[in-house]
PDB file of N, CA and C in Angstrom:
ATOM      1  N   MET A   1      -7.577  19.433 -13.190  1.00  0.00           N
ATOM      2  CA  MET A   1      -8.014  20.065 -11.868  1.00  0.00           C
ATOM      3  C   MET A   1      -6.791  20.202 -11.003  1.00  0.00           C
ATOM      4  N   THR A   2      -6.594  21.337 -10.459  1.00  0.00           N
ATOM      5  CA  THR A   2      -5.488  21.651  -9.566  1.00  0.00           C
ATOM      6  C   THR A   2      -5.862  21.158  -8.158  1.00  0.00           C
ATOM      7  N   ILE A   3      -4.908  20.634  -7.450  1.00  0.00           N
ATOM      8  CA  ILE A   3      -5.100  20.204  -6.041  1.00  0.00           C
ATOM      9  C   ILE A   3      -4.219  21.070  -5.171  1.00  0.00           C
ATOM     10  N   VAL A   4      -4.844  21.672  -4.164  1.00  0.00           N
ATOM     11  CA  VAL A   4      -4.064  22.493  -3.174  1.00  0.00           C
ATOM     12  C   VAL A   4      -4.036  21.778  -1.888  1.00  0.00           C
ATOM     13  N   VAL A   5      -2.875  21.687  -1.236  1.00  0.00           N
ATOM     14  CA  VAL A   5      -2.792  21.111   0.123  1.00  0.00           C
ATOM     15  C   VAL A   5      -2.326  22.283   1.025  1.00  0.00           C
ATOM     16  N   ALA A   6      -3.084  22.397   2.104  1.00  0.00           N
ATOM     17  CA  ALA A   6      -2.720  23.393   3.149  1.00  0.00           C
ATOM     18  C   ALA A   6      -2.669  22.653   4.480  1.00  0.00           C
ATOM     19  N   ALA A   7      -1.552  22.866   5.160  1.00  0.00           N
ATOM     20  CA  ALA A   7      -1.342  22.201   6.420  1.00  0.00           C
ATOM     21  C   ALA A   7      -0.843  23.162   7.504  1.00  0.00           C
ATOM     22  N   VAL A   8      -1.104  22.863   8.716  1.00  0.00           N
ATOM     23  CA  VAL A   8      -0.556  23.604   9.864  1.00  0.00           C
ATOM     24  C   VAL A   8       0.087  22.538  10.770  1.00  0.00           C
ATOM     25  N   VAL A   9       1.374  22.744  11.011  1.00  0.00           N
ATOM     26  CA  VAL A   9       2.166  21.819  11.809  1.00  0.00           C
ATOM     27  C   VAL A   9       2.726  22.587  13.014  1.00  0.00           C
ATOM     28  N   ASP A  10       2.438  22.081  14.180  1.00  0.00           N
ATOM     29  CA  ASP A  10       2.995  22.675  15.391  1.00  0.00           C
ATOM     30  C   ASP A  10       4.155  21.790  15.914  1.00  0.00           C
ATOM     31  N   LEU A  11       5.248  22.436  16.203  1.00  0.00           N
ATOM     32  CA  LEU A  11       6.449  21.761  16.690  1.00  0.00           C
ATOM     33  C   LEU A  11       6.859  22.344  18.024  1.00  0.00           C
ATOM     34  N   ASP A  12       7.810  21.690  18.650  1.00  0.00           N
ATOM     35  CA  ASP A  12       8.461  22.246  19.808  1.00  0.00           C
ATOM     36  C   ASP A  12       9.055  23.552  19.376  1.00  0.00           C
ATOM     37  N   PRO A  13       8.706  24.723  19.936  1.00  0.00           N
ATOM     38  CA  PRO A  13       9.166  25.997  19.479  1.00  0.00           C
ATOM     39  C   PRO A  13      10.740  26.129  19.441  1.00  0.00           C
ATOM     40  N   ALA A  14      11.409  25.346  20.336  1.00  0.00           N
ATOM     41  CA  ALA A  14      12.847  25.375  20.344  1.00  0.00           C
ATOM     42  C   ALA A  14      13.491  24.636  19.156  1.00  0.00           C
ATOM     43  N   GLN A  15      12.650  23.841  18.442  1.00  0.00           N
ATOM     44  CA  GLN A  15      13.121  23.073  17.300  1.00  0.00           C
ATOM     45  C   GLN A  15      12.654  23.614  15.974  1.00  0.00           C
ATOM     46  N   ARG A  16      11.715  24.570  15.952  1.00  0.00           N
ATOM     47  CA  ARG A  16      11.092  25.080  14.694  1.00  0.00           C
ATOM     48  C   ARG A  16      12.195  25.602  13.739  1.00  0.00           C
ATOM     49  N   ALA A  17      13.166  26.380  14.192  1.00  0.00           N
ATOM     50  CA  ALA A  17      14.150  26.894  13.294  1.00  0.00           C
ATOM     51  C   ALA A  17      14.983  25.783  12.671  1.00  0.00           C
ATOM     52  N   ALA A  18      15.344  24.808  13.422  1.00  0.00           N
ATOM     53  CA  ALA A  18      16.141  23.672  12.855  1.00  0.00           C
ATOM     54  C   ALA A  18      15.288  22.887  11.806  1.00  0.00           C
ATOM     55  N   ALA A  19      13.991  22.754  12.166  1.00  0.00           N
ATOM     56  CA  ALA A  19      13.112  22.032  11.221  1.00  0.00           C
ATOM     57  C   ALA A  19      13.047  22.777   9.891  1.00  0.00           C
ATOM     58  N   LEU A  20      12.913  24.090   9.960  1.00  0.00           N
ATOM     59  CA  LEU A  20      12.829  24.910   8.758  1.00  0.00           C
ATOM     60  C   LEU A  20      14.143  24.918   7.962  1.00  0.00           C
ATOM     61  N   SER A  21      15.188  25.125   8.701  1.00  0.00           N
ATOM     62  CA  SER A  21      16.510  25.208   8.031  1.00  0.00           C
ATOM     63  C   SER A  21      16.921  23.871   7.387  1.00  0.00           C
ATOM     64  N   GLY A  22      16.449  22.806   7.901  1.00  0.00           N
ATOM     65  CA  GLY A  22      16.816  21.511   7.347  1.00  0.00           C
ATOM     66  C   GLY A  22      15.777  21.007   6.324  1.00  0.00           C
ATOM     67  N   SER A  23      14.791  21.821   6.028  1.00  0.00           N
ATOM     68  CA  SER A  23      13.712  21.408   5.111  1.00  0.00           C
ATOM     69  C   SER A  23      14.010  21.552   3.638  1.00  0.00           C
ATOM     70  N   LYS A  24      15.008  22.358   3.304  1.00  0.00           N
ATOM     71  CA  LYS A  24      15.281  22.638   1.921  1.00  0.00           C
ATOM     72  C   LYS A  24      15.460  21.378   1.008  1.00  0.00           C
ATOM     73  N   PRO A  25      16.229  20.380   1.381  1.00  0.00           N
ATOM     74  CA  PRO A  25      16.285  19.223   0.455  1.00  0.00           C
ATOM     75  C   PRO A  25      14.989  18.521   0.252  1.00  0.00           C
ATOM     76  N   HIS A  26      14.105  18.539   1.257  1.00  0.00           N
ATOM     77  CA  HIS A  26      12.781  17.861   1.086  1.00  0.00           C
ATOM     78  C   HIS A  26      11.873  18.730   0.220  1.00  0.00           C
ATOM     79  N   ILE A  27      11.927  19.991   0.419  1.00  0.00           N
ATOM     80  CA  ILE A  27      11.137  20.914  -0.447  1.00  0.00           C
ATOM     81  C   ILE A  27      11.613  20.852  -1.875  1.00  0.00           C
ATOM     82  N   ASP A  28      12.962  20.866  -2.085  1.00  0.00           N
ATOM     83  CA  ASP A  28      13.521  20.752  -3.437  1.00  0.00           C
ATOM     84  C   ASP A  28      13.137  19.469  -4.126  1.00  0.00           C
ATOM     85  N   ALA A  29      13.060  18.338  -3.329  1.00  0.00           N
ATOM     86  CA  ALA A  29      12.709  17.087  -3.901  1.00  0.00           C
ATOM     87  C   ALA A  29      11.288  17.089  -4.362  1.00  0.00           C
ATOM     88  N   ALA A  30      10.424  17.666  -3.545  1.00  0.00           N
ATOM     89  CA  ALA A  30       8.993  17.762  -3.943  1.00  0.00           C
ATOM     90  C   ALA A  30       8.837  18.623  -5.198  1.00  0.00           C
ATOM     91  N   LEU A  31       9.527  19.756  -5.171  1.00  0.00           N
ATOM     92  CA  LEU A  31       9.372  20.682  -6.324  1.00  0.00           C
ATOM     93  C   LEU A  31       9.894  20.091  -7.652  1.00  0.00           C
ATOM     94  N   ALA A  32      10.815  19.109  -7.530  1.00  0.00           N
ATOM     95  CA  ALA A  32      11.307  18.473  -8.760  1.00  0.00           C
ATOM     96  C   ALA A  32      10.396  17.373  -9.306  1.00  0.00           C
ATOM     97  N   GLN A  33       9.376  17.045  -8.580  1.00  0.00           N
ATOM     98  CA  GLN A  33       8.468  15.978  -9.049  1.00  0.00           C
ATOM     99  C   GLN A  33       7.539  16.469 -10.049  1.00  0.00           C
ATOM    100  N   PRO A  34       7.212  15.579 -11.039  1.00  0.00           N
ATOM    101  CA  PRO A  34       6.263  16.017 -12.102  1.00  0.00           C
ATOM    102  C   PRO A  34       4.891  16.351 -11.520  1.00  0.00           C
ATOM    103  N   GLY A  35       4.372  17.505 -11.918  1.00  0.00           N
ATOM    104  CA  GLY A  35       3.102  17.971 -11.415  1.00  0.00           C
ATOM    105  C   GLY A  35       3.132  18.869 -10.191  1.00  0.00           C
ATOM    106  N   CYS A  36       4.277  19.047  -9.600  1.00  0.00           N
ATOM    107  CA  CYS A  36       4.364  19.967  -8.415  1.00  0.00           C
ATOM    108  C   CYS A  36       4.542  21.430  -8.940  1.00  0.00           C
ATOM    109  N   LEU A  37       3.524  22.205  -8.617  1.00  0.00           N
ATOM    110  CA  LEU A  37       3.540  23.674  -9.033  1.00  0.00           C
ATOM    111  C   LEU A  37       4.128  24.536  -7.922  1.00  0.00           C
ATOM    112  N   ALA A  38       3.871  24.134  -6.675  1.00  0.00           N
ATOM    113  CA  ALA A  38       4.372  24.918  -5.489  1.00  0.00           C
ATOM    114  C   ALA A  38       4.418  24.001  -4.321  1.00  0.00           C
ATOM    115  N   TYR A  39       5.447  24.279  -3.459  1.00  0.00           N
ATOM    116  CA  TYR A  39       5.631  23.526  -2.261  1.00  0.00           C
ATOM    117  C   TYR A  39       6.483  24.421  -1.304  1.00  0.00           C
ATOM    118  N   SER A  40       5.899  24.825  -0.185  1.00  0.00           N
ATOM    119  CA  SER A  40       6.677  25.666   0.704  1.00  0.00           C
ATOM    120  C   SER A  40       6.263  25.473   2.168  1.00  0.00           C
ATOM    121  N   TRP A  41       7.225  25.763   3.034  1.00  0.00           N
ATOM    122  CA  TRP A  41       7.004  25.744   4.500  1.00  0.00           C
ATOM    123  C   TRP A  41       7.319  27.151   4.972  1.00  0.00           C
ATOM    124  N   CYS A  42       6.533  27.731   5.812  1.00  0.00           N
ATOM    125  CA  CYS A  42       6.733  29.047   6.340  1.00  0.00           C
ATOM    126  C   CYS A  42       6.439  29.083   7.841  1.00  0.00           C
ATOM    127  N   ALA A  43       7.322  29.803   8.511  1.00  0.00           N
ATOM    128  CA  ALA A  43       7.112  29.998   9.935  1.00  0.00           C
ATOM    129  C   ALA A  43       5.956  31.022  10.164  1.00  0.00           C
ATOM    130  N   ASP A  44       5.111  30.711  11.111  1.00  0.00           N
ATOM    131  CA  ASP A  44       4.021  31.684  11.443  1.00  0.00           C
ATOM    132  C   ASP A  44       4.681  32.724  12.354  1.00  0.00           C
ATOM    133  N   PRO A  45       4.609  33.998  11.965  1.00  0.00           N
ATOM    134  CA  PRO A  45       5.244  35.032  12.750  1.00  0.00           C
ATOM    135  C   PRO A  45       4.485  35.318  14.088  1.00  0.00           C
ATOM    136  N   HIS A  46       3.292  34.731  14.263  1.00  0.00           N
ATOM    137  CA  HIS A  46       2.493  35.008  15.508  1.00  0.00           C
ATOM    138  C   HIS A  46       2.500  33.821  16.451  1.00  0.00           C
ATOM    139  N   ASP A  47       3.061  32.690  16.049  1.00  0.00           N
ATOM    140  CA  ASP A  47       3.017  31.527  16.849  1.00  0.00           C
ATOM    141  C   ASP A  47       4.452  30.822  16.729  1.00  0.00           C
ATOM    142  N   PRO A  48       5.222  30.824  17.803  1.00  0.00           N
ATOM    143  CA  PRO A  48       6.545  30.309  17.734  1.00  0.00           C
ATOM    144  C   PRO A  48       6.698  28.825  17.478  1.00  0.00           C
ATOM    145  N   ALA A  49       5.581  28.061  17.556  1.00  0.00           N
ATOM    146  CA  ALA A  49       5.581  26.628  17.245  1.00  0.00           C
ATOM    147  C   ALA A  49       5.135  26.294  15.900  1.00  0.00           C
ATOM    148  N   ARG A  50       4.450  27.134  15.241  1.00  0.00           N
ATOM    149  CA  ARG A  50       3.660  26.822  14.063  1.00  0.00           C
ATOM    150  C   ARG A  50       4.405  27.048  12.718  1.00  0.00           C
ATOM    151  N   VAL A  51       4.225  26.032  11.793  1.00  0.00           N
ATOM    152  CA  VAL A  51       4.713  26.061  10.461  1.00  0.00           C
ATOM    153  C   VAL A  51       3.499  25.860   9.560  1.00  0.00           C
ATOM    154  N   HIS A  52       3.389  26.708   8.518  1.00  0.00           N
ATOM    155  CA  HIS A  52       2.383  26.577   7.490  1.00  0.00           C
ATOM    156  C   HIS A  52       3.001  25.862   6.243  1.00  0.00           C
ATOM    157  N   VAL A  53       2.265  24.942   5.725  1.00  0.00           N
ATOM    158  CA  VAL A  53       2.715  24.240   4.568  1.00  0.00           C
ATOM    159  C   VAL A  53       1.662  24.513   3.422  1.00  0.00           C
ATOM    160  N   PHE A  54       2.190  24.831   2.257  1.00  0.00           N
ATOM    161  CA  PHE A  54       1.357  25.062   1.095  1.00  0.00           C
ATOM    162  C   PHE A  54       1.914  24.253  -0.105  1.00  0.00           C
ATOM    163  N   GLU A  55       1.002  23.527  -0.743  1.00  0.00           N
ATOM    164  CA  GLU A  55       1.405  22.738  -1.881  1.00  0.00           C
ATOM    165  C   GLU A  55       0.375  22.934  -2.973  1.00  0.00           C
ATOM    166  N   GLU A  56       0.819  22.881  -4.215  1.00  0.00           N
ATOM    167  CA  GLU A  56      -0.089  22.960  -5.373  1.00  0.00           C
ATOM    168  C   GLU A  56       0.361  21.945  -6.373  1.00  0.00           C
ATOM    169  N   TRP A  57      -0.592  21.107  -6.824  1.00  0.00           N
ATOM    170  CA  TRP A  57      -0.316  19.965  -7.722  1.00  0.00           C
ATOM    171  C   TRP A  57      -1.213  20.062  -8.945  1.00  0.00           C
ATOM    172  N   THR A  58      -0.746  19.561 -10.091  1.00  0.00           N
ATOM    173  CA  THR A  58      -1.521  19.644 -11.272  1.00  0.00           C
ATOM    174  C   THR A  58      -2.679  18.689 -11.308  1.00  0.00           C
ATOM    175  N   SER A  59      -2.602  17.637 -10.508  1.00  0.00           N
ATOM    176  CA  SER A  59      -3.648  16.589 -10.553  1.00  0.00           C
ATOM    177  C   SER A  59      -3.620  15.676  -9.282  1.00  0.00           C
ATOM    178  N   THR A  60      -4.642  14.895  -9.113  1.00  0.00           N
ATOM    179  CA  THR A  60      -4.638  13.960  -7.948  1.00  0.00           C
ATOM    180  C   THR A  60      -3.567  12.884  -8.235  1.00  0.00           C
ATOM    181  N   GLU A  61      -3.324  12.543  -9.484  1.00  0.00           N
ATOM    182  CA  GLU A  61      -2.302  11.553  -9.823  1.00  0.00           C
ATOM    183  C   GLU A  61      -0.906  12.076  -9.345  1.00  0.00           C
ATOM    184  N   ALA A  62      -0.657  13.359  -9.640  1.00  0.00           N
ATOM    185  CA  ALA A  62       0.636  13.912  -9.267  1.00  0.00           C
ATOM    186  C   ALA A  62       0.789  13.895  -7.719  1.00  0.00           C
ATOM    187  N   LEU A  63      -0.226  14.265  -7.022  1.00  0.00           N
ATOM    188  CA  LEU A  63      -0.162  14.249  -5.572  1.00  0.00           C
ATOM    189  C   LEU A  63      -0.049  12.776  -5.065  1.00  0.00           C
ATOM    190  N   ALA A  64      -0.751  11.846  -5.690  1.00  0.00           N
ATOM    191  CA  ALA A  64      -0.660  10.496  -5.281  1.00  0.00           C
ATOM    192  C   ALA A  64       0.799   9.939  -5.467  1.00  0.00           C
ATOM    193  N   ALA A  65       1.425  10.336  -6.575  1.00  0.00           N
ATOM    194  CA  ALA A  65       2.823   9.850  -6.766  1.00  0.00           C
ATOM    195  C   ALA A  65       3.710  10.446  -5.753  1.00  0.00           C
ATOM    196  N   HIS A  66       3.498  11.694  -5.318  1.00  0.00           N
ATOM    197  CA  HIS A  66       4.292  12.306  -4.291  1.00  0.00           C
ATOM    198  C   HIS A  66       4.104  11.569  -2.954  1.00  0.00           C
ATOM    199  N   LEU A  67       2.876  11.320  -2.609  1.00  0.00           N
ATOM    200  CA  LEU A  67       2.553  10.728  -1.313  1.00  0.00           C
ATOM    201  C   LEU A  67       3.098   9.237  -1.226  1.00  0.00           C
ATOM    202  N   ALA A  68       3.257   8.646  -2.355  1.00  0.00           N
ATOM    203  CA  ALA A  68       3.853   7.287  -2.425  1.00  0.00           C
ATOM    204  C   ALA A  68       5.328   7.216  -2.574  1.00  0.00           C
ATOM    205  N   GLY A  69       5.973   8.379  -2.681  1.00  0.00           N
ATOM    206  CA  GLY A  69       7.348   8.338  -3.034  1.00  0.00           C
ATOM    207  C   GLY A  69       8.359   8.759  -1.931  1.00  0.00           C
ATOM    208  N   PRO A  70       9.649   8.721  -2.278  1.00  0.00           N
ATOM    209  CA  PRO A  70      10.693   8.986  -1.383  1.00  0.00           C
ATOM    210  C   PRO A  70      10.735  10.444  -0.876  1.00  0.00           C
ATOM    211  N   ALA A  71      10.319  11.429  -1.673  1.00  0.00           N
ATOM    212  CA  ALA A  71      10.325  12.830  -1.252  1.00  0.00           C
ATOM    213  C   ALA A  71       9.466  13.005  -0.019  1.00  0.00           C
ATOM    214  N   TYR A  72       8.209  12.433  -0.095  1.00  0.00           N
ATOM    215  CA  TYR A  72       7.260  12.500   0.956  1.00  0.00           C
ATOM    216  C   TYR A  72       7.770  11.828   2.233  1.00  0.00           C
ATOM    217  N   ARG A  73       8.326  10.602   2.025  1.00  0.00           N
ATOM    218  CA  ARG A  73       8.791   9.866   3.150  1.00  0.00           C
ATOM    219  C   ARG A  73      10.002  10.575   3.859  1.00  0.00           C
ATOM    220  N   GLY A  74      10.823  11.225   3.049  1.00  0.00           N
ATOM    221  CA  GLY A  74      11.961  11.992   3.584  1.00  0.00           C
ATOM    222  C   GLY A  74      11.468  13.134   4.408  1.00  0.00           C
ATOM    223  N   MET A  75      10.441  13.858   3.865  1.00  0.00           N
ATOM    224  CA  MET A  75       9.879  14.976   4.579  1.00  0.00           C
ATOM    225  C   MET A  75       9.318  14.513   5.917  1.00  0.00           C
ATOM    226  N   LEU A  76       8.568  13.433   5.898  1.00  0.00           N
ATOM    227  CA  LEU A  76       7.956  12.951   7.130  1.00  0.00           C
ATOM    228  C   LEU A  76       8.988  12.639   8.186  1.00  0.00           C
ATOM    229  N   GLY A  77      10.028  11.946   7.748  1.00  0.00           N
ATOM    230  CA  GLY A  77      11.117  11.593   8.673  1.00  0.00           C
ATOM    231  C   GLY A  77      11.813  12.884   9.260  1.00  0.00           C
ATOM    232  N   HIS A  78      11.990  13.857   8.410  1.00  0.00           N
ATOM    233  CA  HIS A  78      12.637  15.069   8.899  1.00  0.00           C
ATOM    234  C   HIS A  78      11.764  15.750   9.905  1.00  0.00           C
ATOM    235  N   ILE A  79      10.483  15.996   9.585  1.00  0.00           N
ATOM    236  CA  ILE A  79       9.583  16.808  10.448  1.00  0.00           C
ATOM    237  C   ILE A  79       9.280  16.037  11.769  1.00  0.00           C
ATOM    238  N   GLN A  80       9.192  14.759  11.697  1.00  0.00           N
ATOM    239  CA  GLN A  80       8.937  13.973  12.914  1.00  0.00           C
ATOM    240  C   GLN A  80      10.072  13.999  13.898  1.00  0.00           C
ATOM    241  N   GLY A  81      11.242  14.410  13.430  1.00  0.00           N
ATOM    242  CA  GLY A  81      12.366  14.512  14.354  1.00  0.00           C
ATOM    243  C   GLY A  81      12.474  15.818  15.083  1.00  0.00           C
ATOM    244  N   HIS A  82      11.460  16.688  14.939  1.00  0.00           N
ATOM    245  CA  HIS A  82      11.476  18.009  15.528  1.00  0.00           C
ATOM    246  C   HIS A  82      10.295  18.286  16.466  1.00  0.00           C
ATOM    247  N   GLY A  83       9.825  17.321  17.155  1.00  0.00           N
ATOM    248  CA  GLY A  83       8.931  17.486  18.255  1.00  0.00           C
ATOM    249  C   GLY A  83       7.516  17.936  17.803  1.00  0.00           C
ATOM    250  N   ILE A  84       6.913  17.216  16.828  1.00  0.00           N
ATOM    251  CA  ILE A  84       5.527  17.600  16.433  1.00  0.00           C
ATOM    252  C   ILE A  84       4.587  17.426  17.582  1.00  0.00           C
ATOM    253  N   THR A  85       3.787  18.419  17.817  1.00  0.00           N
ATOM    254  CA  THR A  85       2.703  18.387  18.816  1.00  0.00           C
ATOM    255  C   THR A  85       1.333  18.274  18.180  1.00  0.00           C
ATOM    256  N   SER A  86       1.233  18.762  16.945  1.00  0.00           N
ATOM    257  CA  SER A  86      -0.047  18.751  16.204  1.00  0.00           C
ATOM    258  C   SER A  86       0.220  18.902  14.732  1.00  0.00           C
ATOM    259  N   ALA A  87      -0.568  18.303  13.889  1.00  0.00           N
ATOM    260  CA  ALA A  87      -0.480  18.459  12.456  1.00  0.00           C
ATOM    261  C   ALA A  87      -1.886  18.220  11.883  1.00  0.00           C
ATOM    262  N   VAL A  88      -2.327  19.184  11.084  1.00  0.00           N
ATOM    263  CA  VAL A  88      -3.609  19.159  10.417  1.00  0.00           C
ATOM    264  C   VAL A  88      -3.394  19.527   9.000  1.00  0.00           C
ATOM    265  N   SER A  89      -3.862  18.690   8.077  1.00  0.00           N
ATOM    266  CA  SER A  89      -3.704  19.047   6.652  1.00  0.00           C
ATOM    267  C   SER A  89      -5.007  18.762   5.929  1.00  0.00           C
ATOM    268  N   HIS A  90      -5.227  19.595   4.925  1.00  0.00           N
ATOM    269  CA  HIS A  90      -6.456  19.350   4.089  1.00  0.00           C
ATOM    270  C   HIS A  90      -6.029  19.515   2.582  1.00  0.00           C
ATOM    271  N   LYS A  91      -6.750  18.804   1.759  1.00  0.00           N
ATOM    272  CA  LYS A  91      -6.597  18.967   0.306  1.00  0.00           C
ATOM    273  C   LYS A  91      -7.843  19.586  -0.273  1.00  0.00           C
ATOM    274  N   TYR A  92      -7.679  20.390  -1.312  1.00  0.00           N
ATOM    275  CA  TYR A  92      -8.740  21.084  -1.956  1.00  0.00           C
ATOM    276  C   TYR A  92      -8.687  20.826  -3.455  1.00  0.00           C
ATOM    277  N   ALA A  93      -9.798  20.538  -4.018  1.00  0.00           N
ATOM    278  CA  ALA A  93      -9.901  20.367  -5.492  1.00  0.00           C
ATOM    279  C   ALA A  93     -10.347  21.773  -6.028  1.00  0.00           C
ATOM    280  N   VAL A  94      -9.511  22.366  -6.834  1.00  0.00           N
ATOM    281  CA  VAL A  94      -9.770  23.698  -7.329  1.00  0.00           C
ATOM    282  C   VAL A  94     -10.481  23.553  -8.637  1.00  0.00           C
ATOM    283  N   THR A  95     -11.702  24.180  -8.690  1.00  0.00           N
ATOM    284  CA  THR A  95     -12.474  24.122  -9.923  1.00  0.00           C
ATOM    285  C   THR A  95     -12.553  25.422 -10.604  1.00  0.00           C
ATOM    286  N   ALA A  96     -12.072  26.501  -9.956  1.00  0.00           N
ATOM    287  CA  ALA A  96     -12.041  27.821 -10.574  1.00  0.00           C
ATOM    288  C   ALA A  96     -10.823  28.541 -10.030  1.00  0.00           C
ATOM    289  N   LYS A  97     -10.167  29.329 -10.905  1.00  0.00           N
ATOM    290  CA  LYS A  97      -9.007  30.049 -10.504  1.00  0.00           C
ATOM    291  C   LYS A  97      -8.956  31.382 -11.241  1.00  0.00           C
ATOM    292  N   GLN A  98      -8.837  32.451 -10.507  1.00  0.00           N
ATOM    293  CA  GLN A  98      -8.761  33.806 -11.149  1.00  0.00           C
ATOM    294  C   GLN A  98      -7.864  34.642 -10.284  1.00  0.00           C
ATOM    295  N   PRO A  99      -7.394  35.736 -10.855  1.00  0.00           N
ATOM    296  CA  PRO A  99      -6.669  36.728 -10.069  1.00  0.00           C
ATOM    297  C   PRO A  99      -7.561  37.390  -9.042  1.00  0.00           C
ATOM    298  N   VAL A 100      -6.992  37.783  -7.910  1.00  0.00           N
ATOM    299  CA  VAL A 100      -7.755  38.538  -6.987  1.00  0.00           C
ATOM    300  C   VAL A 100      -8.211  39.878  -7.499  1.00  0.00           C
ATOM    301  N   TYR A 101      -7.343  40.508  -8.304  1.00  0.00           N
ATOM    302  CA  TYR A 101      -7.642  41.836  -8.862  1.00  0.00           C
ATOM    303  C   TYR A 101      -8.207  41.737 -10.264  1.00  0.00           C
ATOM    304  N   ASP A 102      -9.279  42.476 -10.461  1.00  0.00           N
ATOM    305  CA  ASP A 102      -9.895  42.418 -11.731  1.00  0.00           C
ATOM    306  C   ASP A 102      -9.116  43.333 -12.768  1.00  0.00           C
ATOM    307  N   PRO A 103      -9.516  43.364 -14.038  1.00  0.00           N
ATOM    308  CA  PRO A 103      -8.798  44.140 -15.007  1.00  0.00           C
ATOM    309  C   PRO A 103      -8.640  45.596 -14.638  1.00  0.00           C
ATOM    310  N   GLU A 104      -9.520  46.123 -13.894  1.00  0.00           N
ATOM    311  CA  GLU A 104      -9.409  47.530 -13.435  1.00  0.00           C
ATOM    312  C   GLU A 104      -8.610  47.728 -12.176  1.00  0.00           C
ATOM    313  N   GLY A 105      -7.986  46.680 -11.685  1.00  0.00           N
ATOM    314  CA  GLY A 105      -7.177  46.756 -10.501  1.00  0.00           C
ATOM    315  C   GLY A 105      -7.916  46.700  -9.131  1.00  0.00           C
ATOM    316  N   ARG A 106      -9.173  46.328  -9.164  1.00  0.00           N
ATOM    317  CA  ARG A 106      -9.996  46.228  -7.904  1.00  0.00           C
ATOM    318  C   ARG A 106      -9.879  44.859  -7.309  1.00  0.00           C
ATOM    319  N   PRO A 107      -9.691  44.653  -6.011  1.00  0.00           N
ATOM    320  CA  PRO A 107      -9.718  43.379  -5.428  1.00  0.00           C
ATOM    321  C   PRO A 107     -11.196  42.851  -5.425  1.00  0.00           C
ATOM    322  N   ARG A 108     -11.325  41.552  -5.754  1.00  0.00           N
ATOM    323  CA  ARG A 108     -12.600  40.930  -5.834  1.00  0.00           C
ATOM    324  C   ARG A 108     -12.717  39.649  -5.114  1.00  0.00           C
ATOM    325  N   ALA A 109     -13.728  39.366  -4.348  1.00  0.00           N
ATOM    326  CA  ALA A 109     -13.946  38.101  -3.677  1.00  0.00           C
ATOM    327  C   ALA A 109     -14.720  37.209  -4.552  1.00  0.00           C
ATOM    328  N   ASP A 110     -15.556  37.748  -5.474  1.00  0.00           N
ATOM    329  CA  ASP A 110     -16.371  36.940  -6.355  1.00  0.00           C
ATOM    330  C   ASP A 110     -15.532  36.508  -7.549  1.00  0.00           C
ATOM    331  N   PHE A 111     -16.069  35.618  -8.324  1.00  0.00           N
ATOM    332  CA  PHE A 111     -15.405  35.146  -9.557  1.00  0.00           C
ATOM    333  C   PHE A 111     -16.090  35.908 -10.672  1.00  0.00           C
ATOM    334  N   PHE A 112     -15.361  36.649 -11.433  1.00  0.00           N
ATOM    335  CA  PHE A 112     -15.855  37.482 -12.448  1.00  0.00           C
ATOM    336  C   PHE A 112     -15.664  36.994 -13.866  1.00  0.00           C
TER     337      PHE A 112
END
């Protein structure tokens, strides 16, 4: 079962660029962990304070190892030094996964 983590972190807008530019070692450390399929931070183009975080893990065990390890602690230390005003994260257990476009090239919301 794939686990997806989606988070929204709001920072001091004056510090967002520095938070993002300094995030590479922490993102690289997460990506190097067993079971990490994706890990990224992106600036929201509509909100100067907001950063979106997306993670994809092969299992709950892989995510648990990340949360207990130095890559996660390093990321927390880094982001906490940039004026966090809000942070909300959710994890999702993915039970079905398909392309958005069907074999005929049509976008589909349903699972076919």
